[in-house]
């Protein structure tokens, strides 16, 4: 989960003329990156072989 402090820091780094849509997209991106990091740190990942098996279901 993205924290309030991370949101504040993000807003401070964005240009002055940024649109609300760009802010929202950026925050969603940061939240997804953080979730990926959390998953990785907590062992919620797939091996290459597991990923291939899952992708085969979609690519057939």
N, C-alpha and C. Protein backbone atom coordinates (compact mmCIF):
# COMPACT_ATOMS: atom_id res chain seq x y z
N UNK A 1 0.84 -1.18 0.00
CA UNK A 1 0.00 0.00 0.00
C UNK A 1 0.89 1.24 0.00
N UNK A 2 0.51 2.18 -0.80
CA UNK A 2 1.25 3.43 -0.87
C UNK A 2 0.85 4.29 0.35
N UNK A 3 1.82 4.93 0.95
CA UNK A 3 1.56 5.71 2.16
C UNK A 3 1.26 7.17 1.83
N UNK A 4 0.68 7.85 2.79
CA UNK A 4 0.39 9.27 2.61
C UNK A 4 1.68 10.05 2.36
N UNK A 5 2.74 9.67 3.03
CA UNK A 5 4.02 10.34 2.85
C UNK A 5 4.54 10.15 1.43
N UNK A 6 4.38 8.94 0.89
CA UNK A 6 4.80 8.68 -0.49
C UNK A 6 3.97 9.52 -1.47
N UNK A 7 2.70 9.68 -1.19
CA UNK A 7 1.84 10.50 -2.04
C UNK A 7 2.30 11.95 -2.01
N UNK A 8 2.58 12.45 -0.81
CA UNK A 8 3.06 13.83 -0.68
C UNK A 8 4.37 14.03 -1.45
N UNK A 9 5.29 13.10 -1.29
CA UNK A 9 6.58 13.20 -1.99
C UNK A 9 6.40 13.15 -3.50
N UNK A 10 5.49 12.29 -3.95
CA UNK A 10 5.22 12.20 -5.38
C UNK A 10 4.68 13.52 -5.91
N UNK A 11 3.73 14.10 -5.20
CA UNK A 11 3.15 15.37 -5.64
C UNK A 11 4.20 16.47 -5.70
N UNK A 12 5.12 16.46 -4.75
CA UNK A 12 6.18 17.47 -4.74
C UNK A 12 7.12 17.33 -5.94
N UNK A 13 7.27 16.12 -6.46
CA UNK A 13 8.20 15.88 -7.56
C UNK A 13 7.58 16.09 -8.94
N UNK A 14 6.27 16.15 -9.00
CA UNK A 14 5.60 16.32 -10.29
C UNK A 14 5.62 17.77 -10.73
N UNK A 15 5.55 18.01 -12.03
CA UNK A 15 5.55 19.39 -12.52
C UNK A 15 4.29 20.14 -12.06
N UNK A 16 4.36 21.45 -12.06
CA UNK A 16 3.25 22.28 -11.61
C UNK A 16 2.01 22.14 -12.49
N UNK A 17 2.19 21.90 -13.77
CA UNK A 17 1.05 21.86 -14.69
C UNK A 17 0.54 20.45 -14.98
N UNK A 18 0.72 19.54 -14.07
CA UNK A 18 0.29 18.16 -14.25
C UNK A 18 -1.23 18.08 -14.09
N UNK A 19 -1.86 17.23 -14.89
CA UNK A 19 -3.31 17.07 -14.80
C UNK A 19 -3.66 16.07 -13.69
N UNK A 20 -4.89 16.13 -13.23
CA UNK A 20 -5.33 15.19 -12.18
C UNK A 20 -5.26 13.75 -12.71
N UNK A 21 -5.54 13.56 -13.99
CA UNK A 21 -5.46 12.22 -14.57
C UNK A 21 -4.03 11.68 -14.53
N UNK A 22 -3.06 12.55 -14.80
CA UNK A 22 -1.66 12.14 -14.75
C UNK A 22 -1.24 11.81 -13.31
N UNK A 23 -1.73 12.58 -12.36
CA UNK A 23 -1.43 12.31 -10.95
C UNK A 23 -1.99 10.96 -10.55
N UNK A 24 -3.23 10.71 -10.91
CA UNK A 24 -3.87 9.43 -10.57
C UNK A 24 -3.14 8.27 -11.21
N UNK A 25 -2.81 8.38 -12.50
CA UNK A 25 -2.08 7.32 -13.20
C UNK A 25 -0.73 7.06 -12.53
N UNK A 26 -0.04 8.12 -12.15
CA UNK A 26 1.26 7.97 -11.50
C UNK A 26 1.13 7.28 -10.15
N UNK A 27 0.12 7.66 -9.37
CA UNK A 27 -0.09 7.04 -8.07
C UNK A 27 -0.48 5.57 -8.20
N UNK A 28 -1.30 5.25 -9.19
CA UNK A 28 -1.67 3.85 -9.43
C UNK A 28 -0.42 3.05 -9.80
N UNK A 29 0.42 3.62 -10.65
CA UNK A 29 1.67 2.95 -11.03
C UNK A 29 2.53 2.68 -9.80
N UNK A 30 2.72 3.71 -8.96
CA UNK A 30 3.54 3.54 -7.76
C UNK A 30 2.96 2.49 -6.83
N UNK A 31 1.63 2.45 -6.70
CA UNK A 31 0.99 1.46 -5.85
C UNK A 31 1.23 0.05 -6.38
N UNK A 32 1.14 -0.13 -7.70
CA UNK A 32 1.37 -1.45 -8.28
C UNK A 32 2.83 -1.89 -8.12
N UNK A 33 3.75 -0.96 -8.28
CA UNK A 33 5.16 -1.28 -8.06
C UNK A 33 5.38 -1.71 -6.62
N UNK A 34 4.79 -0.97 -5.67
CA UNK A 34 4.93 -1.31 -4.25
C UNK A 34 4.35 -2.69 -3.95
N UNK A 35 3.20 -3.00 -4.54
CA UNK A 35 2.60 -4.32 -4.35
C UNK A 35 3.52 -5.41 -4.88
N UNK A 36 4.16 -5.16 -6.03
CA UNK A 36 5.11 -6.13 -6.59
C UNK A 36 6.30 -6.35 -5.69
N UNK A 37 6.81 -5.27 -5.13
CA UNK A 37 7.94 -5.38 -4.19
C UNK A 37 7.51 -6.16 -2.96
N UNK A 38 6.34 -5.86 -2.43
CA UNK A 38 5.82 -6.59 -1.26
C UNK A 38 5.67 -8.07 -1.57
N UNK A 39 5.10 -8.38 -2.74
CA UNK A 39 4.95 -9.79 -3.12
C UNK A 39 6.30 -10.49 -3.19
N UNK A 40 7.27 -9.83 -3.79
CA UNK A 40 8.60 -10.42 -3.92
C UNK A 40 9.24 -10.66 -2.56
N UNK A 41 9.13 -9.68 -1.68
CA UNK A 41 9.73 -9.81 -0.35
C UNK A 41 9.06 -10.89 0.49
N UNK A 42 7.78 -11.18 0.18
CA UNK A 42 7.04 -12.17 0.95
C UNK A 42 6.92 -13.51 0.24
N UNK A 43 7.75 -13.71 -0.79
CA UNK A 43 7.80 -15.00 -1.46
C UNK A 43 6.62 -15.30 -2.36
N UNK A 44 5.84 -14.31 -2.70
CA UNK A 44 4.69 -14.53 -3.57
C UNK A 44 5.11 -14.26 -5.02
N UNK A 45 5.94 -15.17 -5.52
CA UNK A 45 6.45 -15.05 -6.89
C UNK A 45 6.29 -16.38 -7.60
N UNK A 46 6.48 -16.36 -8.90
CA UNK A 46 6.44 -17.58 -9.71
C UNK A 46 7.81 -17.84 -10.30
N UNK A 47 8.13 -19.12 -10.39
CA UNK A 47 9.36 -19.49 -11.10
C UNK A 47 9.12 -19.28 -12.59
N UNK A 48 10.18 -19.35 -13.37
CA UNK A 48 10.05 -19.22 -14.82
C UNK A 48 9.13 -20.32 -15.36
N UNK A 49 9.30 -21.52 -14.86
CA UNK A 49 8.48 -22.63 -15.32
C UNK A 49 7.00 -22.42 -14.96
N UNK A 50 6.72 -21.96 -13.76
CA UNK A 50 5.34 -21.68 -13.37
C UNK A 50 4.74 -20.58 -14.25
N UNK A 51 5.52 -19.57 -14.53
CA UNK A 51 5.04 -18.48 -15.39
C UNK A 51 4.73 -18.99 -16.79
N UNK A 52 5.59 -19.84 -17.33
CA UNK A 52 5.35 -20.41 -18.65
C UNK A 52 4.06 -21.22 -18.68
N UNK A 53 3.83 -22.03 -17.64
CA UNK A 53 2.61 -22.83 -17.57
C UNK A 53 1.38 -21.94 -17.53
N UNK A 54 1.43 -20.87 -16.74
CA UNK A 54 0.29 -19.96 -16.65
C UNK A 54 0.05 -19.22 -17.97
N UNK A 55 1.14 -18.81 -18.62
CA UNK A 55 1.02 -18.09 -19.88
C UNK A 55 0.49 -19.00 -20.99
N UNK A 56 0.84 -20.28 -20.95
CA UNK A 56 0.39 -21.21 -21.98
C UNK A 56 -1.14 -21.27 -22.02
N UNK A 57 -1.79 -21.12 -20.89
CA UNK A 57 -3.24 -21.14 -20.84
C UNK A 57 -3.82 -19.97 -21.64
N UNK A 58 -3.13 -18.83 -21.64
CA UNK A 58 -3.62 -17.64 -22.31
C UNK A 58 -3.18 -17.55 -23.76
N UNK A 59 -2.06 -18.17 -24.10
CA UNK A 59 -1.49 -18.01 -25.42
C UNK A 59 -1.93 -19.08 -26.41
N UNK A 60 -2.69 -20.04 -25.98
CA UNK A 60 -3.14 -21.13 -26.87
C UNK A 60 -4.35 -20.70 -27.67
